[in-house]
Amino acid sequence: MAVGTLIYNAYRDYSSKRLQLLSDPIFHGEGISKGQPETILLIPGFSSGDWTFGTMSRWLHQIGYRTHFSGINVNVGCPQRKVERMLARLEDISRDAGGRIVIIGHSLGGLVGCALARNRPDLVHHVIAIGSPLRSGWQAVAPEVRPALFAIHTFFQKFIETPQGCGTEQCTCNFSIEAYGAQLPPGVRLTSIYSRHDGIVDWRFSTTEFGDNYEVDGLHTDLVVNVQVYRILSNLLAGYPREIVKLRMMAAAASDIKSGETVATRTTAEASQDNPAYLQEKALHG
């Protein structure tokens, strides 16, 4: 029942957030500062595909960035093998771009992006993880949905050849490094965008001490069409430092409140000051 309710709420919230985004001036490029003409690789989350990034890709194109899809139709099976297959694609995209690129990944896609950057830091200069469980593996997934997601993973293992223990705590492949929050190579920037109301990923495991963290409001599935996420992306891609991004988030929040909307746009540093649970998890897991 809990999972069914979560799915219903997710689809309802996705539709609502997408309509809000499409009617917002930022989606039409109004008030956006343009940065360098970045090339961006988009990587979808677990059990989803490139189609989830259709709206974001369209937006990025119209504000001046080049986007590439991952080539993943359904993100299931061994993540390490996906990384190995995507390395050649990353090389081609970087070669066409003439330099290092940005990777934006949703959920599991954020971990795949980190793995690609770890393998080829010469090709990636920034990984932006949206709603990604950046550490603690399956423990980062909300307990009420963990069995259902693990069942999906196990089901596909029967049809897709995977190594022994793939996707479990017994996994020893290189991808397990990403599941436990190791630092990216020097020169590769990491940004996490997360929500306390995610519903799938426990937000405490979406934060990283090795990069910048930004909080938004919304459910896991709608983060790819969330106007707050798009505001942050527009500032990050324009090259603004964290302090300026934070100020712009606060200004946008004030504007939303004035117009009768409630948003949550605190950074992790601000959130941790009044959340003992976060401090405890940070002490335990670093």
Protein backbone atom coordinates (compact mmCIF):
# COMPACT_ATOMS: atom_id res chain seq x y z
CA MET A 1 0.00 0.00 0.00
CA ALA A 2 2.82 2.39 0.92
CA VAL A 3 4.55 1.79 -2.43
CA GLY A 4 1.28 2.20 -4.36
CA THR A 5 0.58 5.48 -2.59
CA LEU A 6 4.12 6.64 -3.30
CA ILE A 7 3.76 5.89 -7.02
CA TYR A 8 0.40 7.68 -7.20
CA ASN A 9 1.78 10.73 -5.41
CA ALA A 10 4.89 10.69 -7.59
CA TYR A 11 2.95 10.84 -10.86
CA ARG A 12 0.58 13.46 -9.51
CA ASP A 13 3.47 15.59 -8.26
CA TYR A 14 5.42 15.10 -11.51
CA SER A 15 2.53 16.49 -13.56
CA SER A 16 2.08 19.40 -11.20
CA LYS A 17 5.78 20.28 -11.13
CA ARG A 18 6.10 20.01 -14.92
CA LEU A 19 3.16 22.37 -15.47
CA GLN A 20 4.70 24.80 -13.00
CA LEU A 21 8.02 24.60 -14.85
CA LEU A 22 6.54 25.12 -18.31
CA SER A 23 4.75 28.28 -17.14
CA ASP A 24 7.79 29.72 -15.36
CA PRO A 25 9.84 32.44 -17.11
CA ILE A 26 13.05 30.51 -16.49
CA PHE A 27 11.91 27.73 -18.84
CA HIS A 28 11.73 30.29 -21.62
CA GLY A 29 15.18 31.64 -20.86
CA GLU A 30 14.07 34.87 -19.19
CA GLY A 31 16.58 36.32 -16.72
CA ILE A 32 19.14 33.57 -17.28
CA SER A 33 22.81 34.49 -17.34
CA LYS A 34 24.60 32.64 -20.12
CA GLY A 35 27.86 30.87 -19.38
CA GLN A 36 30.29 29.07 -21.60
CA PRO A 37 28.70 26.85 -24.29
CA GLU A 38 29.00 23.70 -22.19
CA THR A 39 28.42 20.22 -23.53
CA ILE A 40 26.29 18.13 -21.19
CA LEU A 41 25.73 14.37 -20.91
CA LEU A 42 22.40 13.40 -19.31
CA ILE A 43 22.15 10.05 -17.47
CA PRO A 44 18.79 8.70 -16.19
CA GLY A 45 18.05 6.98 -12.91
CA PHE A 46 17.32 3.39 -11.95
CA SER A 47 14.68 1.65 -14.12
CA SER A 48 14.14 4.80 -16.21
CA GLY A 49 15.59 5.93 -19.53
CA ASP A 50 16.68 8.89 -21.62
CA TRP A 51 13.05 9.91 -22.13
CA THR A 52 12.99 11.27 -18.55
CA PHE A 53 15.37 14.03 -19.64
CA GLY A 54 13.34 15.17 -22.65
CA THR A 55 12.09 18.36 -20.98
CA MET A 56 15.47 19.26 -19.49
CA SER A 57 17.31 18.62 -22.76
CA ARG A 58 14.89 20.89 -24.62
CA TRP A 59 15.41 23.64 -22.03
CA LEU A 60 19.20 23.34 -22.06
CA HIS A 61 19.23 23.56 -25.86
CA GLN A 62 17.18 26.73 -25.93
CA ILE A 63 19.42 28.49 -23.40
CA GLY A 64 22.57 27.68 -25.36
CA TYR A 65 23.97 24.34 -24.21
CA ARG A 66 24.63 21.16 -26.18
CA THR A 67 23.14 18.01 -24.69
CA HIS A 68 23.68 14.32 -25.31
CA PHE A 69 21.62 11.40 -24.09
CA SER A 70 23.22 8.36 -22.49
CA GLY A 71 21.78 5.77 -24.86
CA ILE A 72 20.13 4.00 -21.90
CA ASN A 73 16.57 2.85 -22.60
CA VAL A 74 16.03 1.25 -19.19
CA ASN A 75 18.64 1.70 -16.49
CA VAL A 76 18.75 -1.79 -15.00
CA GLY A 77 21.40 -4.46 -14.76
CA CYS A 78 25.03 -4.14 -13.66
CA PRO A 79 25.97 -0.45 -13.29
CA GLN A 80 29.68 -1.19 -13.73
CA ARG A 81 29.06 -2.70 -17.16
CA LYS A 82 27.04 0.38 -18.11
CA VAL A 83 29.97 2.53 -17.10
CA GLU A 84 32.33 0.43 -19.21
CA ARG A 85 30.05 0.68 -22.24
CA MET A 86 29.56 4.43 -21.79
CA LEU A 87 33.26 5.27 -21.63
CA ALA A 88 33.57 5.11 -25.42
CA ARG A 89 30.53 7.38 -25.75
CA LEU A 90 32.04 9.80 -23.25
CA GLU A 91 35.23 9.91 -25.32
CA ASP A 92 33.29 10.67 -28.51
CA ILE A 93 31.25 13.44 -26.84
CA SER A 94 34.33 15.02 -25.28
CA ARG A 95 36.20 14.88 -28.60
CA ASP A 96 33.33 16.61 -30.40
CA ALA A 97 33.12 19.20 -27.61
CA GLY A 98 36.83 19.88 -27.78
CA GLY A 99 37.32 19.50 -24.04
CA ARG A 100 35.95 18.33 -20.72
CA ILE A 101 32.19 18.16 -20.28
CA VAL A 102 29.46 18.34 -17.63
CA ILE A 103 27.48 15.27 -16.56
CA ILE A 104 24.00 15.64 -15.08
CA GLY A 105 22.66 12.43 -13.57
CA HIS A 106 19.37 11.70 -11.85
CA SER A 107 19.36 9.19 -8.97
CA LEU A 108 21.50 6.18 -10.02
CA GLY A 109 22.55 8.27 -13.01
CA GLY A 110 24.45 10.55 -10.64
CA LEU A 111 26.51 7.59 -9.43
CA VAL A 112 27.16 6.49 -13.02
CA GLY A 113 28.32 10.04 -13.73
CA CYS A 114 30.71 9.89 -10.77
CA ALA A 115 32.09 6.57 -12.00
CA LEU A 116 32.69 7.98 -15.48
CA ALA A 117 34.47 11.00 -14.00
CA ARG A 118 36.59 8.73 -11.81
CA ASN A 119 37.63 6.65 -14.81
CA ARG A 120 38.28 9.63 -17.09
CA PRO A 121 38.80 12.85 -15.12
CA ASP A 122 40.46 14.25 -18.21
CA LEU A 123 37.07 14.21 -19.97
CA VAL A 124 34.74 15.48 -17.19
CA HIS A 125 35.03 18.67 -15.14
CA HIS A 126 31.70 18.71 -13.27
CA VAL A 127 29.21 16.06 -12.12
CA ILE A 128 25.79 17.32 -11.02
CA ALA A 129 23.88 14.60 -9.14
CA ILE A 130 20.12 15.14 -8.71
CA GLY A 131 18.42 13.05 -6.03
CA SER A 132 21.33 10.60 -6.00
CA PRO A 133 22.18 8.21 -3.14
CA LEU A 134 25.81 9.34 -2.99
CA ARG A 135 26.80 7.05 -0.14
CA SER A 136 25.80 3.99 1.91
CA GLY A 137 24.48 1.92 -1.00
CA TRP A 138 21.03 0.39 -0.52
CA GLN A 139 20.86 1.90 2.98
CA ALA A 140 20.35 5.25 1.26
CA VAL A 141 17.03 4.03 -0.17
CA ALA A 142 13.96 4.64 2.00
CA PRO A 143 13.13 1.41 3.94
CA GLU A 144 9.50 1.33 2.75
CA VAL A 145 10.48 1.16 -0.94
CA ARG A 146 13.81 -0.66 -0.66
CA PRO A 147 12.32 -4.19 -1.01
CA ALA A 148 10.35 -3.21 -4.14
CA LEU A 149 13.35 -1.61 -5.85
CA PHE A 150 15.61 -4.51 -4.92
CA ALA A 151 12.99 -6.93 -6.30
CA ILE A 152 13.06 -5.04 -9.64
CA HIS A 153 16.85 -5.28 -9.69
CA THR A 154 16.74 -9.01 -8.88
CA PHE A 155 14.09 -9.63 -11.54
CA PHE A 156 16.20 -8.12 -14.30
CA GLN A 157 19.24 -10.05 -13.11
CA LYS A 158 17.46 -13.20 -14.31
CA PHE A 159 17.43 -11.88 -17.88
CA ILE A 160 20.64 -9.85 -17.97
CA GLU A 161 23.95 -11.53 -17.23
CA THR A 162 25.38 -9.87 -14.12
CA PRO A 163 28.30 -10.69 -11.81
CA GLN A 164 27.70 -12.57 -8.58
CA GLY A 165 26.41 -10.27 -5.85
CA CYS A 166 25.73 -7.41 -8.25
CA GLY A 167 23.78 -4.64 -6.58
CA THR A 168 24.26 -6.01 -3.06
CA GLU A 169 26.64 -5.27 -0.22
CA GLN A 170 28.70 -8.27 -1.38
CA CYS A 171 29.49 -6.55 -4.68
CA THR A 172 33.23 -5.91 -5.06
CA CYS A 173 33.32 -4.32 -8.52
CA ASN A 174 34.68 -0.84 -9.11
CA PHE A 175 31.19 0.65 -9.10
CA SER A 176 30.82 -0.15 -5.39
CA ILE A 177 33.25 2.74 -4.80
CA GLU A 178 30.58 5.15 -6.04
CA ALA A 179 27.92 3.63 -3.80
CA TYR A 180 29.91 4.52 -0.71
CA GLY A 181 30.76 8.13 -1.43
CA ALA A 182 34.45 8.21 -2.31
CA GLN A 183 35.91 11.57 -3.31
CA LEU A 184 36.20 12.37 -7.02
CA PRO A 185 39.62 13.01 -8.57
CA PRO A 186 41.17 16.49 -8.18
CA GLY A 187 39.81 18.96 -10.71
CA VAL A 188 36.38 17.31 -10.98
CA ARG A 189 33.64 19.32 -9.30
CA LEU A 190 30.73 17.54 -7.59
CA THR A 191 27.35 19.13 -6.90
CA SER A 192 24.37 17.46 -5.25
CA ILE A 193 20.79 18.69 -5.55
CA TYR A 194 18.41 16.90 -3.19
CA SER A 195 15.04 17.04 -1.46
CA ARG A 196 14.09 16.12 2.09
CA HIS A 197 10.73 14.96 0.72
CA ASP A 198 12.33 12.76 -1.95
CA GLY A 199 10.41 9.64 -0.88
CA ILE A 200 12.86 7.23 -2.55
CA VAL A 201 16.30 8.36 -1.42
CA ASP A 202 16.98 9.41 2.16
CA TRP A 203 18.19 13.00 1.77
CA ARG A 204 20.88 12.53 4.44
CA PHE A 205 22.71 10.21 2.05
CA SER A 206 22.36 12.57 -0.90
CA THR A 207 24.66 15.16 0.62
CA THR A 208 28.41 15.13 0.11
CA GLU A 209 31.29 16.63 2.04
CA PHE A 210 33.34 16.66 -1.16
CA GLY A 211 31.28 19.20 -3.06
CA ASP A 212 28.36 21.63 -2.93
CA ASN A 213 24.86 20.72 -1.76
CA TYR A 214 21.58 22.46 -2.61
CA GLU A 215 18.16 21.61 -1.20
CA VAL A 216 14.90 21.89 -3.13
CA ASP A 217 11.33 20.80 -2.48
CA GLY A 218 9.75 17.91 -4.35
CA LEU A 219 9.50 14.15 -4.81
CA HIS A 220 12.17 11.94 -6.35
CA THR A 221 10.63 11.49 -9.79
CA ASP A 222 9.77 15.15 -10.34
CA LEU A 223 13.28 16.49 -9.71
CA VAL A 224 13.99 16.32 -13.46
CA VAL A 225 11.14 18.80 -14.09
CA ASN A 226 11.42 20.82 -10.88
CA VAL A 227 11.67 24.58 -11.43
CA GLN A 228 13.90 25.00 -8.37
CA VAL A 229 16.35 22.49 -9.85
CA TYR A 230 16.35 24.40 -13.14
CA ARG A 231 17.10 27.67 -11.35
CA ILE A 232 20.10 26.09 -9.65
CA LEU A 233 21.31 24.51 -12.90
CA SER A 234 21.07 27.83 -14.75
CA ASN A 235 23.36 29.45 -12.17
CA LEU A 236 25.77 26.54 -11.91
CA LEU A 237 26.20 26.27 -15.67
CA ALA A 238 26.68 30.03 -15.92
CA GLY A 239 29.75 29.58 -13.74
CA TYR A 240 28.60 31.36 -10.59
CA PRO A 241 30.38 30.37 -7.36
CA ARG A 242 28.47 28.73 -4.54
CA GLU A 243 27.91 32.00 -2.66
CA ILE A 244 26.25 33.65 -5.66
CA VAL A 245 24.14 30.56 -6.41
CA LYS A 246 22.99 30.61 -2.79
CA LEU A 247 22.05 34.30 -2.96
CA ARG A 248 20.11 33.75 -6.18
CA MET A 249 18.29 30.81 -4.58
CA MET A 250 17.32 33.01 -1.63
CA ALA A 251 16.10 35.76 -3.97
CA ALA A 252 14.02 33.26 -5.94
CA ALA A 253 12.59 31.85 -2.70
CA ALA A 254 11.63 35.32 -1.53
CA SER A 255 9.93 35.98 -4.86
CA ASP A 256 8.02 32.68 -4.66
CA ILE A 257 6.89 33.38 -1.11
CA LYS A 258 5.73 36.82 -2.16
CA SER A 259 3.67 35.23 -4.92
CA GLY A 260 2.12 32.77 -2.47
CA GLU A 261 4.31 29.73 -3.09
CA THR A 262 6.32 27.89 -0.44
CA VAL A 263 9.74 26.58 -1.34
CA ALA A 264 12.66 25.07 0.50
CA THR A 265 16.00 26.21 -0.80
CA ARG A 266 18.38 25.92 2.12
CA THR A 267 21.87 24.61 1.63
CA THR A 268 23.12 21.60 3.58
CA ALA A 269 25.20 23.82 5.86
CA GLU A 270 22.08 25.73 6.89
CA ALA A 271 19.97 22.59 7.22
CA SER A 272 22.53 20.82 9.41
CA GLN A 273 22.42 23.55 12.04
CA ASP A 274 18.95 22.55 13.14
CA ASN A 275 18.91 18.86 12.27
CA PRO A 276 20.60 16.58 14.85
CA ALA A 277 19.90 13.50 12.67
CA TYR A 278 22.07 14.91 9.91
CA LEU A 279 24.90 15.69 12.36
CA GLN A 280 24.71 12.17 13.74
CA GLU A 281 24.84 10.60 10.26
CA LYS A 282 27.76 12.83 9.30
CA ALA A 283 29.65 11.74 12.41
CA LEU A 284 28.96 8.08 11.69
CA HIS A 285 29.63 8.06 7.96
CA GLY A 286 31.88 11.06 7.40
